[in-house]
């Protein structure tokens, strides 16, 4: 399994815009991408501008497929200006 965590801090002026786009992104990814097993969106209880994305794919190829999808590219381009800080970590699921 190919696992990603993405921590982002969003410009306060665009928090609700980001929330709407990323929740839709998660839903579409799970519905349309067979290799996307989990795409959860969480928000910090301490800061409305901080989000955590938890994504699980069957393998690296499934993730590569995900980032090549038009919805992923379009959402990435639209949210990029709103992101103040982003940290991406890659993991391997331990069975």
PDB file of N, CA and C in Angstrom:
ATOM      1  N   UNK A   1       0.833  -1.183   0.000  1.00  0.00           N
ATOM      2  CA  UNK A   1       0.000   0.000   0.000  1.00  0.00           C
ATOM      3  C   UNK A   1       0.882   1.252   0.000  1.00  0.00           C
ATOM      4  N   UNK A   2       0.431   2.241  -0.717  1.00  0.00           N
ATOM      5  CA  UNK A   2       1.122   3.525  -0.835  1.00  0.00           C
ATOM      6  C   UNK A   2       0.280   4.545  -0.089  1.00  0.00           C
ATOM      7  N   UNK A   3       0.844   5.127   0.954  1.00  0.00           N
ATOM      8  CA  UNK A   3       0.098   6.017   1.848  1.00  0.00           C
ATOM      9  C   UNK A   3       0.735   7.397   1.848  1.00  0.00           C
ATOM     10  N   UNK A   4      -0.117   8.412   1.791  1.00  0.00           N
ATOM     11  CA  UNK A   4       0.354   9.796   1.882  1.00  0.00           C
ATOM     12  C   UNK A   4      -0.382  10.510   3.002  1.00  0.00           C
ATOM     13  N   UNK A   5       0.350  11.361   3.700  1.00  0.00           N
ATOM     14  CA  UNK A   5      -0.285  12.349   4.565  1.00  0.00           C
ATOM     15  C   UNK A   5       0.150  13.706   4.033  1.00  0.00           C
ATOM     16  N   UNK A   6      -0.802  14.598   3.947  1.00  0.00           N
ATOM     17  CA  UNK A   6      -0.529  15.939   3.467  1.00  0.00           C
ATOM     18  C   UNK A   6      -1.083  16.908   4.491  1.00  0.00           C
ATOM     19  N   UNK A   7      -0.195  17.659   5.112  1.00  0.00           N
ATOM     20  CA  UNK A   7      -0.603  18.694   6.059  1.00  0.00           C
ATOM     21  C   UNK A   7      -0.536  20.032   5.345  1.00  0.00           C
ATOM     22  N   UNK A   8      -1.630  20.779   5.388  1.00  0.00           N
ATOM     23  CA  UNK A   8      -1.657  22.074   4.716  1.00  0.00           C
ATOM     24  C   UNK A   8      -2.195  23.146   5.643  1.00  0.00           C
ATOM     25  N   UNK A   9      -1.673  24.333   5.462  1.00  0.00           N
ATOM     26  CA  UNK A   9      -2.210  25.519   6.125  1.00  0.00           C
ATOM     27  C   UNK A   9      -2.717  26.432   5.017  1.00  0.00           C
ATOM     28  N   UNK A  10      -3.957  26.861   5.162  1.00  0.00           N
ATOM     29  CA  UNK A  10      -4.650  27.602   4.126  1.00  0.00           C
ATOM     30  C   UNK A  10      -4.792  29.062   4.517  1.00  0.00           C
ATOM     31  N   UNK A  11      -4.692  29.931   3.533  1.00  0.00           N
ATOM     32  CA  UNK A  11      -4.960  31.358   3.719  1.00  0.00           C
ATOM     33  C   UNK A  11      -6.352  31.490   4.340  1.00  0.00           C
ATOM     34  N   UNK A  12      -6.473  32.197   5.464  1.00  0.00           N
ATOM     35  CA  UNK A  12      -7.772  32.313   6.147  1.00  0.00           C
ATOM     36  C   UNK A  12      -8.901  32.807   5.239  1.00  0.00           C
ATOM     37  N   UNK A  13      -8.581  33.611   4.257  1.00  0.00           N
ATOM     38  CA  UNK A  13      -9.604  34.133   3.353  1.00  0.00           C
ATOM     39  C   UNK A  13     -10.178  33.048   2.431  1.00  0.00           C
ATOM     40  N   UNK A  14      -9.511  31.894   2.360  1.00  0.00           N
ATOM     41  CA  UNK A  14      -9.938  30.846   1.419  1.00  0.00           C
ATOM     42  C   UNK A  14     -10.196  29.498   2.083  1.00  0.00           C
ATOM     43  N   UNK A  15     -10.350  29.487   3.391  1.00  0.00           N
ATOM     44  CA  UNK A  15     -10.533  28.222   4.111  1.00  0.00           C
ATOM     45  C   UNK A  15     -11.779  27.479   3.629  1.00  0.00           C
ATOM     46  N   UNK A  16     -12.897  28.150   3.522  1.00  0.00           N
ATOM     47  CA  UNK A  16     -14.125  27.466   3.115  1.00  0.00           C
ATOM     48  C   UNK A  16     -14.070  27.065   1.645  1.00  0.00           C
ATOM     49  N   UNK A  17     -13.419  27.876   0.816  1.00  0.00           N
ATOM     50  CA  UNK A  17     -13.222  27.499  -0.587  1.00  0.00           C
ATOM     51  C   UNK A  17     -12.412  26.208  -0.665  1.00  0.00           C
ATOM     52  N   UNK A  18     -11.313  26.159   0.085  1.00  0.00           N
ATOM     53  CA  UNK A  18     -10.453  24.984   0.085  1.00  0.00           C
ATOM     54  C   UNK A  18     -11.212  23.759   0.590  1.00  0.00           C
ATOM     55  N   UNK A  19     -11.929  23.925   1.681  1.00  0.00           N
ATOM     56  CA  UNK A  19     -12.689  22.802   2.250  1.00  0.00           C
ATOM     57  C   UNK A  19     -13.632  22.217   1.203  1.00  0.00           C
ATOM     58  N   UNK A  20     -14.353  23.066   0.509  1.00  0.00           N
ATOM     59  CA  UNK A  20     -15.282  22.583  -0.496  1.00  0.00           C
ATOM     60  C   UNK A  20     -14.596  21.836  -1.624  1.00  0.00           C
ATOM     61  N   UNK A  21     -13.492  22.375  -2.112  1.00  0.00           N
ATOM     62  CA  UNK A  21     -12.769  21.747  -3.219  1.00  0.00           C
ATOM     63  C   UNK A  21     -12.150  20.420  -2.784  1.00  0.00           C
ATOM     64  N   UNK A  22     -11.531  20.385  -1.615  1.00  0.00           N
ATOM     65  CA  UNK A  22     -10.810  19.171  -1.220  1.00  0.00           C
ATOM     66  C   UNK A  22     -11.766  18.050  -0.833  1.00  0.00           C
ATOM     67  N   UNK A  23     -12.905  18.382  -0.254  1.00  0.00           N
ATOM     68  CA  UNK A  23     -13.895  17.352   0.065  1.00  0.00           C
ATOM     69  C   UNK A  23     -14.447  16.748  -1.231  1.00  0.00           C
ATOM     70  N   UNK A  24     -14.700  17.583  -2.215  1.00  0.00           N
ATOM     71  CA  UNK A  24     -15.149  17.089  -3.515  1.00  0.00           C
ATOM     72  C   UNK A  24     -14.069  16.239  -4.172  1.00  0.00           C
ATOM     73  N   UNK A  25     -12.826  16.680  -4.086  1.00  0.00           N
ATOM     74  CA  UNK A  25     -11.693  15.918  -4.637  1.00  0.00           C
ATOM     75  C   UNK A  25     -11.634  14.526  -4.023  1.00  0.00           C
ATOM     76  N   UNK A  26     -11.780  14.452  -2.717  1.00  0.00           N
ATOM     77  CA  UNK A  26     -11.734  13.160  -2.034  1.00  0.00           C
ATOM     78  C   UNK A  26     -12.864  12.252  -2.520  1.00  0.00           C
ATOM     79  N   UNK A  27     -14.065  12.789  -2.617  1.00  0.00           N
ATOM     80  CA  UNK A  27     -15.222  12.006  -3.049  1.00  0.00           C
ATOM     81  C   UNK A  27     -15.028  11.484  -4.476  1.00  0.00           C
ATOM     82  N   UNK A  28     -14.629  12.351  -5.381  1.00  0.00           N
ATOM     83  CA  UNK A  28     -14.439  11.948  -6.778  1.00  0.00           C
ATOM     84  C   UNK A  28     -13.321  10.912  -6.901  1.00  0.00           C
ATOM     85  N   UNK A  29     -12.236  11.118  -6.175  1.00  0.00           N
ATOM     86  CA  UNK A  29     -11.117  10.164  -6.234  1.00  0.00           C
ATOM     87  C   UNK A  29     -11.557   8.781  -5.792  1.00  0.00           C
ATOM     88  N   UNK A  30     -12.306   8.700  -4.692  1.00  0.00           N
ATOM     89  CA  UNK A  30     -12.764   7.395  -4.201  1.00  0.00           C
ATOM     90  C   UNK A  30     -13.767   6.759  -5.155  1.00  0.00           C
ATOM     91  N   UNK A  31     -14.597   7.565  -5.801  1.00  0.00           N
ATOM     92  CA  UNK A  31     -15.613   7.028  -6.711  1.00  0.00           C
ATOM     93  C   UNK A  31     -15.036   6.581  -8.050  1.00  0.00           C
ATOM     94  N   UNK A  32     -14.074   7.320  -8.582  1.00  0.00           N
ATOM     95  CA  UNK A  32     -13.632   7.110  -9.958  1.00  0.00           C
ATOM     96  C   UNK A  32     -12.284   6.411 -10.116  1.00  0.00           C
ATOM     97  N   UNK A  33     -11.550   6.281  -9.034  1.00  0.00           N
ATOM     98  CA  UNK A  33     -10.204   5.704  -9.122  1.00  0.00           C
ATOM     99  C   UNK A  33     -10.156   4.393  -8.337  1.00  0.00           C
ATOM    100  N   UNK A  34     -10.142   3.264  -9.047  1.00  0.00           N
ATOM    101  CA  UNK A  34     -10.161   1.980  -8.353  1.00  0.00           C
ATOM    102  C   UNK A  34      -8.993   1.781  -7.386  1.00  0.00           C
ATOM    103  N   UNK A  35      -7.858   2.409  -7.660  1.00  0.00           N
ATOM    104  CA  UNK A  35      -6.689   2.252  -6.792  1.00  0.00           C
ATOM    105  C   UNK A  35      -6.667   3.170  -5.589  1.00  0.00           C
ATOM    106  N   UNK A  36      -7.635   4.087  -5.500  1.00  0.00           N
ATOM    107  CA  UNK A  36      -7.732   4.982  -4.339  1.00  0.00           C
ATOM    108  C   UNK A  36      -8.630   4.320  -3.304  1.00  0.00           C
ATOM    109  N   UNK A  37      -8.023   3.821  -2.240  1.00  0.00           N
ATOM    110  CA  UNK A  37      -8.765   3.090  -1.215  1.00  0.00           C
ATOM    111  C   UNK A  37      -9.306   4.005  -0.127  1.00  0.00           C
ATOM    112  N   UNK A  38      -8.538   5.039   0.207  1.00  0.00           N
ATOM    113  CA  UNK A  38      -8.931   5.979   1.262  1.00  0.00           C
ATOM    114  C   UNK A  38      -8.494   7.366   0.851  1.00  0.00           C
ATOM    115  N   UNK A  39      -9.370   8.338   1.051  1.00  0.00           N
ATOM    116  CA  UNK A  39      -9.001   9.746   0.880  1.00  0.00           C
ATOM    117  C   UNK A  39      -9.822  10.504   1.917  1.00  0.00           C
ATOM    118  N   UNK A  40      -9.245  10.656   3.089  1.00  0.00           N
ATOM    119  CA  UNK A  40      -9.924  11.329   4.193  1.00  0.00           C
ATOM    120  C   UNK A  40      -9.397  12.751   4.342  1.00  0.00           C
ATOM    121  N   UNK A  41     -10.292  13.646   4.693  1.00  0.00           N
ATOM    122  CA  UNK A  41      -9.952  15.043   4.937  1.00  0.00           C
ATOM    123  C   UNK A  41     -10.293  15.351   6.386  1.00  0.00           C
ATOM    124  N   UNK A  42      -9.315  15.857   7.122  1.00  0.00           N
ATOM    125  CA  UNK A  42      -9.525  16.231   8.518  1.00  0.00           C
ATOM    126  C   UNK A  42      -9.110  17.687   8.706  1.00  0.00           C
ATOM    127  N   UNK A  43      -9.727  18.312   9.700  1.00  0.00           N
ATOM    128  CA  UNK A  43      -9.432  19.715  10.013  1.00  0.00           C
ATOM    129  C   UNK A  43      -9.004  19.800  11.469  1.00  0.00           C
ATOM    130  N   UNK A  44      -8.025  20.604  11.755  1.00  0.00           N
ATOM    131  CA  UNK A  44      -7.512  20.733  13.114  1.00  0.00           C
ATOM    132  C   UNK A  44      -8.564  21.353  14.028  1.00  0.00           C
ATOM    133  N   UNK A  45      -8.748  20.777  15.212  1.00  0.00           N
ATOM    134  CA  UNK A  45      -9.670  21.399  16.166  1.00  0.00           C
ATOM    135  C   UNK A  45      -9.082  22.673  16.781  1.00  0.00           C
ATOM    136  N   UNK A  46      -7.774  22.870  16.607  1.00  0.00           N
ATOM    137  CA  UNK A  46      -7.094  24.033  17.189  1.00  0.00           C
ATOM    138  C   UNK A  46      -6.927  25.189  16.215  1.00  0.00           C
ATOM    139  N   UNK A  47      -7.063  24.904  14.910  1.00  0.00           N
ATOM    140  CA  UNK A  47      -6.844  25.943  13.912  1.00  0.00           C
ATOM    141  C   UNK A  47      -7.690  25.655  12.678  1.00  0.00           C
ATOM    142  N   UNK A  48      -8.612  26.528  12.377  1.00  0.00           N
ATOM    143  CA  UNK A  48      -9.516  26.335  11.243  1.00  0.00           C
ATOM    144  C   UNK A  48      -8.782  26.363   9.908  1.00  0.00           C
ATOM    145  N   UNK A  49      -7.540  26.836   9.889  1.00  0.00           N
ATOM    146  CA  UNK A  49      -6.797  26.946   8.636  1.00  0.00           C
ATOM    147  C   UNK A  49      -5.929  25.722   8.346  1.00  0.00           C
ATOM    148  N   UNK A  50      -5.882  24.758   9.269  1.00  0.00           N
ATOM    149  CA  UNK A  50      -5.022  23.579   9.104  1.00  0.00           C
ATOM    150  C   UNK A  50      -5.841  22.339   8.751  1.00  0.00           C
ATOM    151  N   UNK A  51      -5.395  21.646   7.700  1.00  0.00           N
ATOM    152  CA  UNK A  51      -6.055  20.432   7.232  1.00  0.00           C
ATOM    153  C   UNK A  51      -5.036  19.304   7.138  1.00  0.00           C
ATOM    154  N   UNK A  52      -5.533  18.090   7.273  1.00  0.00           N
ATOM    155  CA  UNK A  52      -4.730  16.886   7.073  1.00  0.00           C
ATOM    156  C   UNK A  52      -5.461  16.005   6.074  1.00  0.00           C
ATOM    157  N   UNK A  53      -4.756  15.613   5.023  1.00  0.00           N
ATOM    158  CA  UNK A  53      -5.291  14.670   4.053  1.00  0.00           C
ATOM    159  C   UNK A  53      -4.600  13.333   4.295  1.00  0.00           C
ATOM    160  N   UNK A  54      -5.380  12.276   4.359  1.00  0.00           N
ATOM    161  CA  UNK A  54      -4.852  10.924   4.550  1.00  0.00           C
ATOM    162  C   UNK A  54      -5.323  10.096   3.355  1.00  0.00           C
ATOM    163  N   UNK A  55      -4.367   9.667   2.530  1.00  0.00           N
ATOM    164  CA  UNK A  55      -4.693   8.987   1.287  1.00  0.00           C
ATOM    165  C   UNK A  55      -3.996   7.632   1.239  1.00  0.00           C
ATOM    166  N   UNK A  56      -4.739   6.609   0.838  1.00  0.00           N
ATOM    167  CA  UNK A  56      -4.185   5.268   0.706  1.00  0.00           C
ATOM    168  C   UNK A  56      -4.505   4.758  -0.695  1.00  0.00           C
ATOM    169  N   UNK A  57      -3.459   4.325  -1.394  1.00  0.00           N
ATOM    170  CA  UNK A  57      -3.573   3.785  -2.744  1.00  0.00           C
ATOM    171  C   UNK A  57      -3.033   2.359  -2.753  1.00  0.00           C
ATOM    172  N   UNK A  58      -3.479   1.579  -3.719  1.00  0.00           N
ATOM    173  CA  UNK A  58      -3.024   0.188  -3.779  1.00  0.00           C
ATOM    174  C   UNK A  58      -1.515   0.106  -3.997  1.00  0.00           C
ATOM    175  N   UNK A  59      -0.972   1.063  -4.767  1.00  0.00           N
ATOM    176  CA  UNK A  59       0.466   1.095  -5.023  1.00  0.00           C
ATOM    177  C   UNK A  59       0.826   2.460  -5.616  1.00  0.00           C
ATOM    178  N   UNK A  60       2.089   2.645  -5.903  1.00  0.00           N
ATOM    179  CA  UNK A  60       2.562   3.915  -6.458  1.00  0.00           C
ATOM    180  C   UNK A  60       1.913   4.212  -7.811  1.00  0.00           C
ATOM    181  N   UNK A  61       1.696   3.191  -8.606  1.00  0.00           N
ATOM    182  CA  UNK A  61       1.068   3.385  -9.918  1.00  0.00           C
ATOM    183  C   UNK A  61      -0.349   3.954  -9.770  1.00  0.00           C
ATOM    184  N   UNK A  62      -1.075   3.518  -8.747  1.00  0.00           N
ATOM    185  CA  UNK A  62      -2.425   4.042  -8.501  1.00  0.00           C
ATOM    186  C   UNK A  62      -2.357   5.509  -8.101  1.00  0.00           C
ATOM    187  N   UNK A  63      -1.350   5.870  -7.316  1.00  0.00           N
ATOM    188  CA  UNK A  63      -1.179   7.283  -6.968  1.00  0.00           C
ATOM    189  C   UNK A  63      -0.810   8.105  -8.201  1.00  0.00           C
ATOM    190  N   UNK A  64       0.094   7.595  -9.019  1.00  0.00           N
ATOM    191  CA  UNK A  64       0.474   8.292 -10.250  1.00  0.00           C
ATOM    192  C   UNK A  64      -0.748   8.499 -11.143  1.00  0.00           C
ATOM    193  N   UNK A  65      -1.615   7.497 -11.232  1.00  0.00           N
ATOM    194  CA  UNK A  65      -2.855   7.612 -11.980  1.00  0.00           C
ATOM    195  C   UNK A  65      -3.714   8.736 -11.392  1.00  0.00           C
ATOM    196  N   UNK A  66      -3.795   8.788 -10.079  1.00  0.00           N
ATOM    197  CA  UNK A  66      -4.576   9.817  -9.368  1.00  0.00           C
ATOM    198  C   UNK A  66      -4.117  11.219  -9.754  1.00  0.00           C
ATOM    199  N   UNK A  67      -2.827  11.472  -9.703  1.00  0.00           N
ATOM    200  CA  UNK A  67      -2.341  12.831  -9.970  1.00  0.00           C
ATOM    201  C   UNK A  67      -2.464  13.212 -11.443  1.00  0.00           C
ATOM    202  N   UNK A  68      -2.626  12.249 -12.312  1.00  0.00           N
ATOM    203  CA  UNK A  68      -2.783  12.534 -13.734  1.00  0.00           C
ATOM    204  C   UNK A  68      -4.230  12.802 -14.131  1.00  0.00           C
ATOM    205  N   UNK A  69      -5.171  12.543 -13.232  1.00  0.00           N
ATOM    206  CA  UNK A  69      -6.580  12.732 -13.557  1.00  0.00           C
ATOM    207  C   UNK A  69      -6.915  14.221 -13.689  1.00  0.00           C
ATOM    208  N   UNK A  70      -7.779  14.562 -14.642  1.00  0.00           N
ATOM    209  CA  UNK A  70      -8.141  15.968 -14.836  1.00  0.00           C
ATOM    210  C   UNK A  70      -8.674  16.641 -13.571  1.00  0.00           C
ATOM    211  N   UNK A  71      -9.480  15.927 -12.788  1.00  0.00           N
ATOM    212  CA  UNK A  71     -10.012  16.532 -11.565  1.00  0.00           C
ATOM    213  C   UNK A  71      -8.901  16.824 -10.563  1.00  0.00           C
ATOM    214  N   UNK A  72      -7.896  15.973 -10.493  1.00  0.00           N
ATOM    215  CA  UNK A  72      -6.772  16.217  -9.580  1.00  0.00           C
ATOM    216  C   UNK A  72      -5.945  17.413 -10.042  1.00  0.00           C
ATOM    217  N   UNK A  73      -5.665  17.475 -11.324  1.00  0.00           N
ATOM    218  CA  UNK A  73      -4.867  18.586 -11.848  1.00  0.00           C
ATOM    219  C   UNK A  73      -5.609  19.914 -11.721  1.00  0.00           C
ATOM    220  N   UNK A  74      -6.891  19.914 -12.022  1.00  0.00           N
ATOM    221  CA  UNK A  74      -7.681  21.142 -11.934  1.00  0.00           C
ATOM    222  C   UNK A  74      -7.785  21.621 -10.487  1.00  0.00           C
ATOM    223  N   UNK A  75      -8.057  20.701  -9.566  1.00  0.00           N
ATOM    224  CA  UNK A  75      -8.170  21.085  -8.158  1.00  0.00           C
ATOM    225  C   UNK A  75      -6.831  21.537  -7.597  1.00  0.00           C
ATOM    226  N   UNK A  76      -5.759  20.892  -8.004  1.00  0.00           N
ATOM    227  CA  UNK A  76      -4.429  21.299  -7.550  1.00  0.00           C
ATOM    228  C   UNK A  76      -4.095  22.712  -7.999  1.00  0.00           C
ATOM    229  N   UNK A  77      -4.432  23.019  -9.241  1.00  0.00           N
ATOM    230  CA  UNK A  77      -4.157  24.360  -9.764  1.00  0.00           C
ATOM    231  C   UNK A  77      -5.008  25.421  -9.079  1.00  0.00           C
ATOM    232  N   UNK A  78      -6.262  25.094  -8.791  1.00  0.00           N
ATOM    233  CA  UNK A  78      -7.139  26.099  -8.179  1.00  0.00           C
ATOM    234  C   UNK A  78      -6.806  26.340  -6.706  1.00  0.00           C
ATOM    235  N   UNK A  79      -6.344  25.315  -5.984  1.00  0.00           N
ATOM    236  CA  UNK A  79      -6.067  25.497  -4.555  1.00  0.00           C
ATOM    237  C   UNK A  79      -4.651  25.974  -4.258  1.00  0.00           C
ATOM    238  N   UNK A  80      -3.740  25.810  -5.192  1.00  0.00           N
ATOM    239  CA  UNK A  80      -2.333  26.166  -4.950  1.00  0.00           C
ATOM    240  C   UNK A  80      -2.142  27.587  -4.401  1.00  0.00           C
ATOM    241  N   UNK A  81      -2.818  28.595  -4.943  1.00  0.00           N
ATOM    242  CA  UNK A  81      -2.619  29.954  -4.414  1.00  0.00           C
ATOM    243  C   UNK A  81      -3.107  30.137  -2.969  1.00  0.00           C
ATOM    244  N   UNK A  82      -3.969  29.251  -2.505  1.00  0.00           N
ATOM    245  CA  UNK A  82      -4.522  29.368  -1.147  1.00  0.00           C
ATOM    246  C   UNK A  82      -3.639  28.718  -0.092  1.00  0.00           C
ATOM    247  N   UNK A  83      -2.672  27.898  -0.518  1.00  0.00           N
ATOM    248  CA  UNK A  83      -1.851  27.132   0.416  1.00  0.00           C
ATOM    249  C   UNK A  83      -0.665  27.968   0.895  1.00  0.00           C
ATOM    250  N   UNK A  84      -0.606  28.169   2.204  1.00  0.00           N
ATOM    251  CA  UNK A  84       0.497  28.922   2.801  1.00  0.00           C
ATOM    252  C   UNK A  84       1.671  28.009   3.136  1.00  0.00           C
ATOM    253  N   UNK A  85       1.351  26.781   3.531  1.00  0.00           N
ATOM    254  CA  UNK A  85       2.380  25.807   3.909  1.00  0.00           C
ATOM    255  C   UNK A  85       1.838  24.421   3.615  1.00  0.00           C
ATOM    256  N   UNK A  86       2.740  23.547   3.148  1.00  0.00           N
ATOM    257  CA  UNK A  86       2.329  22.183   2.839  1.00  0.00           C
ATOM    258  C   UNK A  86       3.471  21.225   3.145  1.00  0.00           C
ATOM    259  N   UNK A  87       3.132  20.135   3.812  1.00  0.00           N
ATOM    260  CA  UNK A  87       4.119  19.095   4.080  1.00  0.00           C
ATOM    261  C   UNK A  87       3.534  17.759   3.653  1.00  0.00           C
ATOM    262  N   UNK A  88       4.227  17.096   2.733  1.00  0.00           N
ATOM    263  CA  UNK A  88       3.782  15.804   2.223  1.00  0.00           C
ATOM    264  C   UNK A  88       4.729  14.735   2.739  1.00  0.00           C
ATOM    265  N   UNK A  89       4.146  13.673   3.291  1.00  0.00           N
ATOM    266  CA  UNK A  89       4.935  12.530   3.749  1.00  0.00           C
ATOM    267  C   UNK A  89       4.392  11.279   3.071  1.00  0.00           C
ATOM    268  N   UNK A  90       5.305  10.410   2.645  1.00  0.00           N
ATOM    269  CA  UNK A  90       4.940   9.145   2.006  1.00  0.00           C
ATOM    270  C   UNK A  90       5.238   8.014   2.981  1.00  0.00           C
ATOM    271  N   UNK A  91       4.325   7.065   3.041  1.00  0.00           N
ATOM    272  CA  UNK A  91       4.416   5.943   3.979  1.00  0.00           C
ATOM    273  C   UNK A  91       4.149   4.638   3.251  1.00  0.00           C
ATOM    274  N   UNK A  92       4.537   3.556   3.885  1.00  0.00           N
ATOM    275  CA  UNK A  92       4.188   2.230   3.422  1.00  0.00           C
ATOM    276  C   UNK A  92       3.418   1.551   4.537  1.00  0.00           C
ATOM    277  N   UNK A  93       2.259   1.008   4.205  1.00  0.00           N
ATOM    278  CA  UNK A  93       1.420   0.374   5.217  1.00  0.00           C
ATOM    279  C   UNK A  93       2.085  -0.896   5.729  1.00  0.00           C
ATOM    280  N   UNK A  94       2.110  -1.053   7.037  1.00  0.00           N
ATOM    281  CA  UNK A  94       2.664  -2.240   7.674  1.00  0.00           C
ATOM    282  C   UNK A  94       1.514  -3.203   7.947  1.00  0.00           C
ATOM    283  N   UNK A  95       1.654  -4.424   7.487  1.00  0.00           N
ATOM    284  CA  UNK A  95       0.575  -5.419   7.682  1.00  0.00           C
ATOM    285  C   UNK A  95       0.746  -6.153   8.981  1.00  0.00           C
TER     286      UNK A  95
END
